[in-house]
Amino acid sequence: MLDSGDPVAYIYSDFSCKGSFNLSQLCDPAVDEALLTATAIPAGEVRRKAIMAAEQRILSTDAAIPLLHERVIQGEATGVRQAARDPRERMLVTPQTHITGQMHQP
């Protein structure tokens, strides 16, 4: 979710009436209400369901049509050990990451 681990922040930015990155120019009071409802719920299963309900409202407006799901592909040299596997690519090297033996260069 880019600069936020919270899906509501991302969805609000892209699809609320006051969103700062609302390229679709969607302004639907029902969407804003669903997002505000999700924002008020603490992390957990109930919040996850509220976020999915907001997403469903957005999709029902046809403001966004999902076309693909990105997958991160991470390659490492043969001598790299304990590299982080972060799907958001925020952390690839940690204090535990190290190199063993000689690195093979292509």
PDB file of N, CA and C in Angstrom:
ATOM      1  N   MET A   1       0.792  -1.181   0.000  1.00  0.00           N
ATOM      2  CA  MET A   1       0.000   0.000   0.000  1.00  0.00           C
ATOM      3  C   MET A   1       0.844   1.258   0.000  1.00  0.00           C
ATOM      4  N   LEU A   2       1.828   1.286  -0.827  1.00  0.00           N
ATOM      5  CA  LEU A   2       2.669   2.455  -1.004  1.00  0.00           C
ATOM      6  C   LEU A   2       3.205   2.977   0.317  1.00  0.00           C
ATOM      7  N   ASP A   3       2.887   4.227   0.674  1.00  0.00           N
ATOM      8  CA  ASP A   3       3.473   4.814   1.874  1.00  0.00           C
ATOM      9  C   ASP A   3       2.655   4.549   3.134  1.00  0.00           C
ATOM     10  N   SER A   4       1.647   3.732   3.058  1.00  0.00           N
ATOM     11  CA  SER A   4       0.812   3.458   4.216  1.00  0.00           C
ATOM     12  C   SER A   4       0.474   1.977   4.257  1.00  0.00           C
ATOM     13  N   GLY A   5       0.589   1.390   5.434  1.00  0.00           N
ATOM     14  CA  GLY A   5       0.195   0.006   5.592  1.00  0.00           C
ATOM     15  C   GLY A   5      -1.307  -0.137   5.753  1.00  0.00           C
ATOM     16  N   ASP A   6      -2.033   0.964   5.797  1.00  0.00           N
ATOM     17  CA  ASP A   6      -3.471   0.949   6.019  1.00  0.00           C
ATOM     18  C   ASP A   6      -4.212   1.095   4.692  1.00  0.00           C
ATOM     19  N   PRO A   7      -4.951   0.064   4.283  1.00  0.00           N
ATOM     20  CA  PRO A   7      -5.670   0.159   3.011  1.00  0.00           C
ATOM     21  C   PRO A   7      -6.664   1.306   2.962  1.00  0.00           C
ATOM     22  N   VAL A   8      -7.242   1.691   4.095  1.00  0.00           N
ATOM     23  CA  VAL A   8      -8.233   2.777   4.082  1.00  0.00           C
ATOM     24  C   VAL A   8      -7.574   4.081   3.628  1.00  0.00           C
ATOM     25  N   ALA A   9      -6.352   4.345   4.063  1.00  0.00           N
ATOM     26  CA  ALA A   9      -5.664   5.574   3.662  1.00  0.00           C
ATOM     27  C   ALA A   9      -5.453   5.599   2.148  1.00  0.00           C
ATOM     28  N   TYR A  10      -5.049   4.483   1.610  1.00  0.00           N
ATOM     29  CA  TYR A  10      -4.819   4.367   0.169  1.00  0.00           C
ATOM     30  C   TYR A  10      -6.129   4.546  -0.603  1.00  0.00           C
ATOM     31  N   ILE A  11      -7.165   3.835  -0.182  1.00  0.00           N
ATOM     32  CA  ILE A  11      -8.456   3.904  -0.876  1.00  0.00           C
ATOM     33  C   ILE A  11      -9.057   5.307  -0.738  1.00  0.00           C
ATOM     34  N   TYR A  12      -8.939   5.911   0.447  1.00  0.00           N
ATOM     35  CA  TYR A  12      -9.463   7.264   0.653  1.00  0.00           C
ATOM     36  C   TYR A  12      -8.785   8.245  -0.307  1.00  0.00           C
ATOM     37  N   SER A  13      -7.469   8.140  -0.423  1.00  0.00           N
ATOM     38  CA  SER A  13      -6.724   9.033  -1.293  1.00  0.00           C
ATOM     39  C   SER A  13      -7.179   8.917  -2.747  1.00  0.00           C
ATOM     40  N   ASP A  14      -7.470   7.692  -3.175  1.00  0.00           N
ATOM     41  CA  ASP A  14      -7.795   7.450  -4.578  1.00  0.00           C
ATOM     42  C   ASP A  14      -9.271   7.579  -4.941  1.00  0.00           C
ATOM     43  N   PHE A  15     -10.181   7.426  -3.950  1.00  0.00           N
ATOM     44  CA  PHE A  15     -11.592   7.330  -4.322  1.00  0.00           C
ATOM     45  C   PHE A  15     -12.565   8.150  -3.482  1.00  0.00           C
ATOM     46  N   SER A  16     -12.099   8.927  -2.530  1.00  0.00           N
ATOM     47  CA  SER A  16     -13.043   9.745  -1.761  1.00  0.00           C
ATOM     48  C   SER A  16     -13.207  11.110  -2.430  1.00  0.00           C
ATOM     49  N   CYS A  17     -14.278  11.789  -2.065  1.00  0.00           N
ATOM     50  CA  CYS A  17     -14.535  13.112  -2.648  1.00  0.00           C
ATOM     51  C   CYS A  17     -13.378  14.079  -2.403  1.00  0.00           C
ATOM     52  N   LYS A  18     -12.719  13.951  -1.270  1.00  0.00           N
ATOM     53  CA  LYS A  18     -11.605  14.843  -0.931  1.00  0.00           C
ATOM     54  C   LYS A  18     -10.252  14.166  -1.101  1.00  0.00           C
ATOM     55  N   GLY A  19     -10.211  13.062  -1.809  1.00  0.00           N
ATOM     56  CA  GLY A  19      -8.968  12.319  -1.995  1.00  0.00           C
ATOM     57  C   GLY A  19      -7.920  13.125  -2.747  1.00  0.00           C
ATOM     58  N   SER A  20      -6.681  13.004  -2.326  1.00  0.00           N
ATOM     59  CA  SER A  20      -5.602  13.786  -2.925  1.00  0.00           C
ATOM     60  C   SER A  20      -5.066  13.168  -4.216  1.00  0.00           C
ATOM     61  N   PHE A  21      -5.459  11.932  -4.525  1.00  0.00           N
ATOM     62  CA  PHE A  21      -4.997  11.272  -5.752  1.00  0.00           C
ATOM     63  C   PHE A  21      -6.182  10.627  -6.461  1.00  0.00           C
ATOM     64  N   ASN A  22      -7.284  11.331  -6.500  1.00  0.00           N
ATOM     65  CA  ASN A  22      -8.528  10.816  -7.054  1.00  0.00           C
ATOM     66  C   ASN A  22      -8.565  11.023  -8.565  1.00  0.00           C
ATOM     67  N   LEU A  23      -7.806  10.207  -9.294  1.00  0.00           N
ATOM     68  CA  LEU A  23      -7.720  10.355 -10.748  1.00  0.00           C
ATOM     69  C   LEU A  23      -9.042  10.066 -11.444  1.00  0.00           C
ATOM     70  N   SER A  24      -9.852   9.196 -10.859  1.00  0.00           N
ATOM     71  CA  SER A  24     -11.147   8.869 -11.472  1.00  0.00           C
ATOM     72  C   SER A  24     -12.175   9.974 -11.241  1.00  0.00           C
ATOM     73  N   GLN A  25     -11.862  10.891 -10.330  1.00  0.00           N
ATOM     74  CA  GLN A  25     -12.750  11.993  -9.953  1.00  0.00           C
ATOM     75  C   GLN A  25     -14.078  11.495  -9.394  1.00  0.00           C
ATOM     76  N   LEU A  26     -14.027  10.327  -8.774  1.00  0.00           N
ATOM     77  CA  LEU A  26     -15.216   9.778  -8.123  1.00  0.00           C
ATOM     78  C   LEU A  26     -15.555  10.626  -6.898  1.00  0.00           C
ATOM     79  N   CYS A  27     -16.805  10.989  -6.767  1.00  0.00           N
ATOM     80  CA  CYS A  27     -17.290  11.662  -5.563  1.00  0.00           C
ATOM     81  C   CYS A  27     -18.671  11.085  -5.275  1.00  0.00           C
ATOM     82  N   ASP A  28     -18.687  10.079  -4.416  1.00  0.00           N
ATOM     83  CA  ASP A  28     -19.912   9.358  -4.092  1.00  0.00           C
ATOM     84  C   ASP A  28     -20.072   9.346  -2.578  1.00  0.00           C
ATOM     85  N   PRO A  29     -21.119   9.999  -2.052  1.00  0.00           N
ATOM     86  CA  PRO A  29     -21.310  10.048  -0.598  1.00  0.00           C
ATOM     87  C   PRO A  29     -21.363   8.664   0.049  1.00  0.00           C
ATOM     88  N   ALA A  30     -21.892   7.671  -0.646  1.00  0.00           N
ATOM     89  CA  ALA A  30     -21.953   6.323  -0.073  1.00  0.00           C
ATOM     90  C   ALA A  30     -20.552   5.729   0.081  1.00  0.00           C
ATOM     91  N   VAL A  31     -19.666   6.018  -0.865  1.00  0.00           N
ATOM     92  CA  VAL A  31     -18.278   5.563  -0.766  1.00  0.00           C
ATOM     93  C   VAL A  31     -17.591   6.262   0.401  1.00  0.00           C
ATOM     94  N   ASP A  32     -17.760   7.582   0.491  1.00  0.00           N
ATOM     95  CA  ASP A  32     -17.143   8.323   1.603  1.00  0.00           C
ATOM     96  C   ASP A  32     -17.640   7.809   2.955  1.00  0.00           C
ATOM     97  N   GLU A  33     -18.916   7.520   3.047  1.00  0.00           N
ATOM     98  CA  GLU A  33     -19.480   7.001   4.299  1.00  0.00           C
ATOM     99  C   GLU A  33     -18.879   5.636   4.639  1.00  0.00           C
ATOM    100  N   ALA A  34     -18.748   4.782   3.645  1.00  0.00           N
ATOM    101  CA  ALA A  34     -18.155   3.456   3.883  1.00  0.00           C
ATOM    102  C   ALA A  34     -16.706   3.582   4.333  1.00  0.00           C
ATOM    103  N   LEU A  35     -15.968   4.509   3.751  1.00  0.00           N
ATOM    104  CA  LEU A  35     -14.573   4.715   4.143  1.00  0.00           C
ATOM    105  C   LEU A  35     -14.465   5.269   5.561  1.00  0.00           C
ATOM    106  N   LEU A  36     -15.327   6.208   5.902  1.00  0.00           N
ATOM    107  CA  LEU A  36     -15.323   6.755   7.269  1.00  0.00           C
ATOM    108  C   LEU A  36     -15.693   5.685   8.289  1.00  0.00           C
ATOM    109  N   THR A  37     -16.624   4.817   7.943  1.00  0.00           N
ATOM    110  CA  THR A  37     -17.005   3.713   8.825  1.00  0.00           C
ATOM    111  C   THR A  37     -15.802   2.808   9.057  1.00  0.00           C
ATOM    112  N   ALA A  38     -15.109   2.436   7.985  1.00  0.00           N
ATOM    113  CA  ALA A  38     -13.944   1.551   8.109  1.00  0.00           C
ATOM    114  C   ALA A  38     -12.838   2.204   8.936  1.00  0.00           C
ATOM    115  N   THR A  39     -12.641   3.506   8.758  1.00  0.00           N
ATOM    116  CA  THR A  39     -11.598   4.231   9.488  1.00  0.00           C
ATOM    117  C   THR A  39     -11.824   4.180  10.998  1.00  0.00           C
ATOM    118  N   ALA A  40     -13.068   4.194  11.416  1.00  0.00           N
ATOM    119  CA  ALA A  40     -13.396   4.257  12.847  1.00  0.00           C
ATOM    120  C   ALA A  40     -13.268   2.914  13.557  1.00  0.00           C
ATOM    121  N   ILE A  41     -13.068   1.842  12.827  1.00  0.00           N
ATOM    122  CA  ILE A  41     -13.023   0.506  13.422  1.00  0.00           C
ATOM    123  C   ILE A  41     -11.575   0.115  13.689  1.00  0.00           C
ATOM    124  N   PRO A  42     -11.283  -0.409  14.877  1.00  0.00           N
ATOM    125  CA  PRO A  42      -9.908  -0.841  15.170  1.00  0.00           C
ATOM    126  C   PRO A  42      -9.485  -1.999  14.266  1.00  0.00           C
ATOM    127  N   ALA A  43      -8.176  -2.164  14.125  1.00  0.00           N
ATOM    128  CA  ALA A  43      -7.627  -3.244  13.287  1.00  0.00           C
ATOM    129  C   ALA A  43      -8.202  -4.585  13.708  1.00  0.00           C
ATOM    130  N   GLY A  44      -8.445  -5.419  12.721  1.00  0.00           N
ATOM    131  CA  GLY A  44      -8.987  -6.745  12.997  1.00  0.00           C
ATOM    132  C   GLY A  44      -9.967  -7.166  11.923  1.00  0.00           C
ATOM    133  N   GLU A  45     -10.650  -8.256  12.184  1.00  0.00           N
ATOM    134  CA  GLU A  45     -11.558  -8.848  11.198  1.00  0.00           C
ATOM    135  C   GLU A  45     -12.718  -7.916  10.833  1.00  0.00           C
ATOM    136  N   VAL A  46     -13.285  -7.217  11.812  1.00  0.00           N
ATOM    137  CA  VAL A  46     -14.425  -6.329  11.525  1.00  0.00           C
ATOM    138  C   VAL A  46     -13.978  -5.190  10.609  1.00  0.00           C
ATOM    139  N   ARG A  47     -12.804  -4.637  10.872  1.00  0.00           N
ATOM    140  CA  ARG A  47     -12.284  -3.556  10.013  1.00  0.00           C
ATOM    141  C   ARG A  47     -12.008  -4.097   8.606  1.00  0.00           C
ATOM    142  N   ARG A  48     -11.443  -5.291   8.516  1.00  0.00           N
ATOM    143  CA  ARG A  48     -11.159  -5.883   7.212  1.00  0.00           C
ATOM    144  C   ARG A  48     -12.438  -6.012   6.390  1.00  0.00           C
ATOM    145  N   LYS A  49     -13.507  -6.451   7.033  1.00  0.00           N
ATOM    146  CA  LYS A  49     -14.793  -6.586   6.331  1.00  0.00           C
ATOM    147  C   LYS A  49     -15.345  -5.223   5.915  1.00  0.00           C
ATOM    148  N   ALA A  50     -15.158  -4.210   6.760  1.00  0.00           N
ATOM    149  CA  ALA A  50     -15.622  -2.858   6.425  1.00  0.00           C
ATOM    150  C   ALA A  50     -14.835  -2.299   5.236  1.00  0.00           C
ATOM    151  N   ILE A  51     -13.545  -2.592   5.192  1.00  0.00           N
ATOM    152  CA  ILE A  51     -12.720  -2.149   4.063  1.00  0.00           C
ATOM    153  C   ILE A  51     -13.188  -2.833   2.781  1.00  0.00           C
ATOM    154  N   MET A  52     -13.482  -4.110   2.874  1.00  0.00           N
ATOM    155  CA  MET A  52     -13.967  -4.835   1.697  1.00  0.00           C
ATOM    156  C   MET A  52     -15.329  -4.308   1.248  1.00  0.00           C
ATOM    157  N   ALA A  53     -16.164  -3.886   2.182  1.00  0.00           N
ATOM    158  CA  ALA A  53     -17.465  -3.301   1.828  1.00  0.00           C
ATOM    159  C   ALA A  53     -17.256  -1.976   1.101  1.00  0.00           C
ATOM    160  N   ALA A  54     -16.298  -1.170   1.565  1.00  0.00           N
ATOM    161  CA  ALA A  54     -15.996   0.095   0.888  1.00  0.00           C
ATOM    162  C   ALA A  54     -15.458  -0.171  -0.513  1.00  0.00           C
ATOM    163  N   GLU A  55     -14.592  -1.161  -0.615  1.00  0.00           N
ATOM    164  CA  GLU A  55     -14.054  -1.524  -1.925  1.00  0.00           C
ATOM    165  C   GLU A  55     -15.182  -1.952  -2.871  1.00  0.00           C
ATOM    166  N   GLN A  56     -16.123  -2.722  -2.368  1.00  0.00           N
ATOM    167  CA  GLN A  56     -17.252  -3.159  -3.200  1.00  0.00           C
ATOM    168  C   GLN A  56     -18.078  -1.970  -3.681  1.00  0.00           C
ATOM    169  N   ARG A  57     -18.269  -0.988  -2.813  1.00  0.00           N
ATOM    170  CA  ARG A  57     -19.019   0.214  -3.218  1.00  0.00           C
ATOM    171  C   ARG A  57     -18.280   0.940  -4.346  1.00  0.00           C
ATOM    172  N   ILE A  58     -16.956   1.037  -4.214  1.00  0.00           N
ATOM    173  CA  ILE A  58     -16.163   1.699  -5.252  1.00  0.00           C
ATOM    174  C   ILE A  58     -16.267   0.937  -6.568  1.00  0.00           C
ATOM    175  N   LEU A  59     -16.103  -0.366  -6.508  1.00  0.00           N
ATOM    176  CA  LEU A  59     -16.170  -1.165  -7.735  1.00  0.00           C
ATOM    177  C   LEU A  59     -17.541  -1.085  -8.392  1.00  0.00           C
ATOM    178  N   SER A  60     -18.589  -0.931  -7.598  1.00  0.00           N
ATOM    179  CA  SER A  60     -19.935  -0.853  -8.161  1.00  0.00           C
ATOM    180  C   SER A  60     -20.181   0.453  -8.923  1.00  0.00           C
ATOM    181  N   THR A  61     -19.317   1.448  -8.707  1.00  0.00           N
ATOM    182  CA  THR A  61     -19.457   2.720  -9.426  1.00  0.00           C
ATOM    183  C   THR A  61     -18.762   2.692 -10.785  1.00  0.00           C
ATOM    184  N   ASP A  62     -17.974   1.672 -11.020  1.00  0.00           N
ATOM    185  CA  ASP A  62     -17.158   1.557 -12.236  1.00  0.00           C
ATOM    186  C   ASP A  62     -16.092   2.651 -12.329  1.00  0.00           C
ATOM    187  N   ALA A  63     -15.753   3.255 -11.209  1.00  0.00           N
ATOM    188  CA  ALA A  63     -14.680   4.255 -11.193  1.00  0.00           C
ATOM    189  C   ALA A  63     -13.323   3.593 -11.374  1.00  0.00           C
ATOM    190  N   ALA A  64     -13.244   2.333 -11.018  1.00  0.00           N
ATOM    191  CA  ALA A  64     -11.997   1.576 -11.179  1.00  0.00           C
ATOM    192  C   ALA A  64     -12.360   0.174 -11.611  1.00  0.00           C
ATOM    193  N   ILE A  65     -11.610  -0.317 -12.547  1.00  0.00           N
ATOM    194  CA  ILE A  65     -11.817  -1.687 -13.011  1.00  0.00           C
ATOM    195  C   ILE A  65     -10.492  -2.421 -12.839  1.00  0.00           C
ATOM    196  N   PRO A  66     -10.426  -3.359 -11.893  1.00  0.00           N
ATOM    197  CA  PRO A  66      -9.165  -4.072 -11.668  1.00  0.00           C
ATOM    198  C   PRO A  66      -8.785  -4.888 -12.898  1.00  0.00           C
ATOM    199  N   LEU A  67      -7.545  -4.723 -13.338  1.00  0.00           N
ATOM    200  CA  LEU A  67      -7.083  -5.435 -14.509  1.00  0.00           C
ATOM    201  C   LEU A  67      -6.000  -6.457 -14.194  1.00  0.00           C
ATOM    202  N   LEU A  68      -5.262  -6.237 -13.140  1.00  0.00           N
ATOM    203  CA  LEU A  68      -4.187  -7.148 -12.819  1.00  0.00           C
ATOM    204  C   LEU A  68      -3.862  -7.074 -11.339  1.00  0.00           C
ATOM    205  N   HIS A  69      -3.098  -8.043 -10.906  1.00  0.00           N
ATOM    206  CA  HIS A  69      -2.591  -8.051  -9.543  1.00  0.00           C
ATOM    207  C   HIS A  69      -1.076  -8.142  -9.645  1.00  0.00           C
ATOM    208  N   GLU A  70      -0.391  -7.133  -9.126  1.00  0.00           N
ATOM    209  CA  GLU A  70       1.057  -7.115  -9.226  1.00  0.00           C
ATOM    210  C   GLU A  70       1.688  -8.182  -8.338  1.00  0.00           C
ATOM    211  N   ARG A  71       2.746  -8.769  -8.855  1.00  0.00           N
ATOM    212  CA  ARG A  71       3.543  -9.710  -8.076  1.00  0.00           C
ATOM    213  C   ARG A  71       4.968  -9.211  -8.073  1.00  0.00           C
ATOM    214  N   VAL A  72       5.583  -9.253  -6.924  1.00  0.00           N
ATOM    215  CA  VAL A  72       6.978  -8.849  -6.812  1.00  0.00           C
ATOM    216  C   VAL A  72       7.849 -10.061  -7.080  1.00  0.00           C
ATOM    217  N   ILE A  73       8.819  -9.888  -7.933  1.00  0.00           N
ATOM    218  CA  ILE A  73       9.783 -10.948  -8.199  1.00  0.00           C
ATOM    219  C   ILE A  73      11.135 -10.437  -7.724  1.00  0.00           C
ATOM    220  N   GLN A  74      11.733 -11.172  -6.824  1.00  0.00           N
ATOM    221  CA  GLN A  74      12.987 -10.751  -6.221  1.00  0.00           C
ATOM    222  C   GLN A  74      14.060 -11.773  -6.549  1.00  0.00           C
ATOM    223  N   GLY A  75      15.139 -11.322  -7.159  1.00  0.00           N
ATOM    224  CA  GLY A  75      16.257 -12.205  -7.460  1.00  0.00           C
ATOM    225  C   GLY A  75      17.421 -11.912  -6.534  1.00  0.00           C
ATOM    226  N   GLU A  76      18.166 -12.944  -6.225  1.00  0.00           N
ATOM    227  CA  GLU A  76      19.321 -12.787  -5.336  1.00  0.00           C
ATOM    228  C   GLU A  76      20.488 -13.589  -5.878  1.00  0.00           C
ATOM    229  N   ALA A  77      21.676 -13.095  -5.652  1.00  0.00           N
ATOM    230  CA  ALA A  77      22.881 -13.838  -6.024  1.00  0.00           C
ATOM    231  C   ALA A  77      22.969 -15.087  -5.156  1.00  0.00           C
ATOM    232  N   THR A  78      23.671 -16.080  -5.641  1.00  0.00           N
ATOM    233  CA  THR A  78      23.739 -17.367  -4.943  1.00  0.00           C
ATOM    234  C   THR A  78      24.354 -17.275  -3.557  1.00  0.00           C
ATOM    235  N   GLY A  79      25.203 -16.294  -3.294  1.00  0.00           N
ATOM    236  CA  GLY A  79      25.844 -16.198  -1.988  1.00  0.00           C
ATOM    237  C   GLY A  79      25.077 -15.389  -0.960  1.00  0.00           C
ATOM    238  N   VAL A  80      23.948 -14.830  -1.307  1.00  0.00           N
ATOM    239  CA  VAL A  80      23.169 -14.013  -0.373  1.00  0.00           C
ATOM    240  C   VAL A  80      22.341 -14.919   0.524  1.00  0.00           C
ATOM    241  N   ARG A  81      22.397 -14.686   1.817  1.00  0.00           N
ATOM    242  CA  ARG A  81      21.635 -15.465   2.788  1.00  0.00           C
ATOM    243  C   ARG A  81      20.765 -14.534   3.639  1.00  0.00           C
ATOM    244  N   GLN A  82      19.587 -14.993   3.955  1.00  0.00           N
ATOM    245  CA  GLN A  82      18.623 -14.308   4.833  1.00  0.00           C
ATOM    246  C   GLN A  82      18.225 -12.911   4.338  1.00  0.00           C
ATOM    247  N   ALA A  83      18.056 -12.795   3.033  1.00  0.00           N
ATOM    248  CA  ALA A  83      17.493 -11.559   2.499  1.00  0.00           C
ATOM    249  C   ALA A  83      16.010 -11.530   2.883  1.00  0.00           C
ATOM    250  N   ALA A  84      15.478 -10.355   3.110  1.00  0.00           N
ATOM    251  CA  ALA A  84      14.070 -10.226   3.510  1.00  0.00           C
ATOM    252  C   ALA A  84      13.167 -10.474   2.303  1.00  0.00           C
ATOM    253  N   ARG A  85      12.035 -11.095   2.547  1.00  0.00           N
ATOM    254  CA  ARG A  85      11.046 -11.320   1.482  1.00  0.00           C
ATOM    255  C   ARG A  85       9.841 -10.432   1.784  1.00  0.00           C
ATOM    256  N   ASP A  86       9.961  -9.173   1.435  1.00  0.00           N
ATOM    257  CA  ASP A  86       8.919  -8.200   1.709  1.00  0.00           C
ATOM    258  C   ASP A  86       8.144  -7.933   0.427  1.00  0.00           C
ATOM    259  N   PRO A  87       6.834  -8.282   0.367  1.00  0.00           N
ATOM    260  CA  PRO A  87       6.072  -8.086  -0.868  1.00  0.00           C
ATOM    261  C   PRO A  87       5.966  -6.624  -1.293  1.00  0.00           C
ATOM    262  N   ARG A  88       6.208  -5.703  -0.394  1.00  0.00           N
ATOM    263  CA  ARG A  88       6.158  -4.281  -0.749  1.00  0.00           C
ATOM    264  C   ARG A  88       7.542  -3.727  -1.089  1.00  0.00           C
ATOM    265  N   GLU A  89       8.542  -4.561  -1.040  1.00  0.00           N
ATOM    266  CA  GLU A  89       9.923  -4.186  -1.342  1.00  0.00           C
ATOM    267  C   GLU A  89      10.425  -3.028  -0.495  1.00  0.00           C
ATOM    268  N   ARG A  90       9.984  -2.949   0.734  1.00  0.00           N
ATOM    269  CA  ARG A  90      10.468  -1.896   1.628  1.00  0.00           C
ATOM    270  C   ARG A  90      11.703  -2.337   2.383  1.00  0.00           C
ATOM    271  N   MET A  91      11.809  -3.622   2.619  1.00  0.00           N
ATOM    272  CA  MET A  91      12.940  -4.131   3.364  1.00  0.00           C
ATOM    273  C   MET A  91      13.489  -5.342   2.614  1.00  0.00           C
ATOM    274  N   LEU A  92      14.649  -5.187   2.023  1.00  0.00           N
ATOM    275  CA  LEU A  92      15.265  -6.288   1.304  1.00  0.00           C
ATOM    276  C   LEU A  92      16.502  -6.803   2.039  1.00  0.00           C
ATOM    277  N   VAL A  93      17.162  -5.891   2.751  1.00  0.00           N
ATOM    278  CA  VAL A  93      18.360  -6.240   3.497  1.00  0.00           C
ATOM    279  C   VAL A  93      18.126  -5.896   4.962  1.00  0.00           C
ATOM    280  N   THR A  94      18.414  -6.846   5.834  1.00  0.00           N
ATOM    281  CA  THR A  94      18.272  -6.646   7.274  1.00  0.00           C
ATOM    282  C   THR A  94      19.622  -6.894   7.944  1.00  0.00           C
ATOM    283  N   PRO A  95      19.733  -6.665   9.235  1.00  0.00           N
ATOM    284  CA  PRO A  95      21.001  -6.977   9.921  1.00  0.00           C
ATOM    285  C   PRO A  95      21.388  -8.460   9.806  1.00  0.00           C
ATOM    286  N   GLN A  96      20.425  -9.330   9.552  1.00  0.00           N
ATOM    287  CA  GLN A  96      20.713 -10.759   9.426  1.00  0.00           C
ATOM    288  C   GLN A  96      21.179 -11.151   8.015  1.00  0.00           C
ATOM    289  N   THR A  97      20.970 -10.275   7.032  1.00  0.00           N
ATOM    290  CA  THR A  97      21.372 -10.577   5.668  1.00  0.00           C
ATOM    291  C   THR A  97      22.897 -10.601   5.583  1.00  0.00           C
ATOM    292  N   HIS A  98      23.410 -11.623   4.933  1.00  0.00           N
ATOM    293  CA  HIS A  98      24.865 -11.718   4.785  1.00  0.00           C
ATOM    294  C   HIS A  98      25.221 -12.468   3.503  1.00  0.00           C
ATOM    295  N   ILE A  99      26.486 -12.421   3.163  1.00  0.00           N
ATOM    296  CA  ILE A  99      26.989 -13.072   1.961  1.00  0.00           C
ATOM    297  C   ILE A  99      27.930 -14.181   2.384  1.00  0.00           C
ATOM    298  N   THR A 100      27.755 -15.350   1.793  1.00  0.00           N
ATOM    299  CA  THR A 100      28.639 -16.471   2.087  1.00  0.00           C
ATOM    300  C   THR A 100      29.490 -16.759   0.868  1.00  0.00           C
ATOM    301  N   GLY A 101      30.722 -17.184   1.098  1.00  0.00           N
ATOM    302  CA  GLY A 101      31.590 -17.563  -0.006  1.00  0.00           C
ATOM    303  C   GLY A 101      31.810 -16.426  -0.977  1.00  0.00           C
ATOM    304  N   GLN A 102      32.070 -16.778  -2.199  1.00  0.00           N
ATOM    305  CA  GLN A 102      32.287 -15.788  -3.231  1.00  0.00           C
ATOM    306  C   GLN A 102      30.990 -15.568  -4.011  1.00  0.00           C
ATOM    307  N   MET A 103      30.786 -14.355  -4.369  1.00  0.00           N
ATOM    308  CA  MET A 103      29.610 -14.024  -5.179  1.00  0.00           C
ATOM    309  C   MET A 103      29.924 -14.376  -6.634  1.00  0.00           C
ATOM    310  N   HIS A 104      29.003 -15.029  -7.291  1.00  0.00           N
ATOM    311  CA  HIS A 104      29.169 -15.342  -8.710  1.00  0.00           C
ATOM    312  C   HIS A 104      28.543 -14.227  -9.526  1.00  0.00           C
ATOM    313  N   GLN A 105      29.315 -13.659 -10.403  1.00  0.00           N
ATOM    314  CA  GLN A 105      28.798 -12.596 -11.246  1.00  0.00           C
ATOM    315  C   GLN A 105      28.416 -13.158 -12.606  1.00  0.00           C
ATOM    316  N   PRO A 106      27.308 -12.691 -13.140  1.00  0.00           N
ATOM    317  CA  PRO A 106      26.861 -13.201 -14.451  1.00  0.00           C
ATOM    318  C   PRO A 106      27.813 -12.808 -15.561  1.00  0.00           C
TER     319      PRO A 106
END
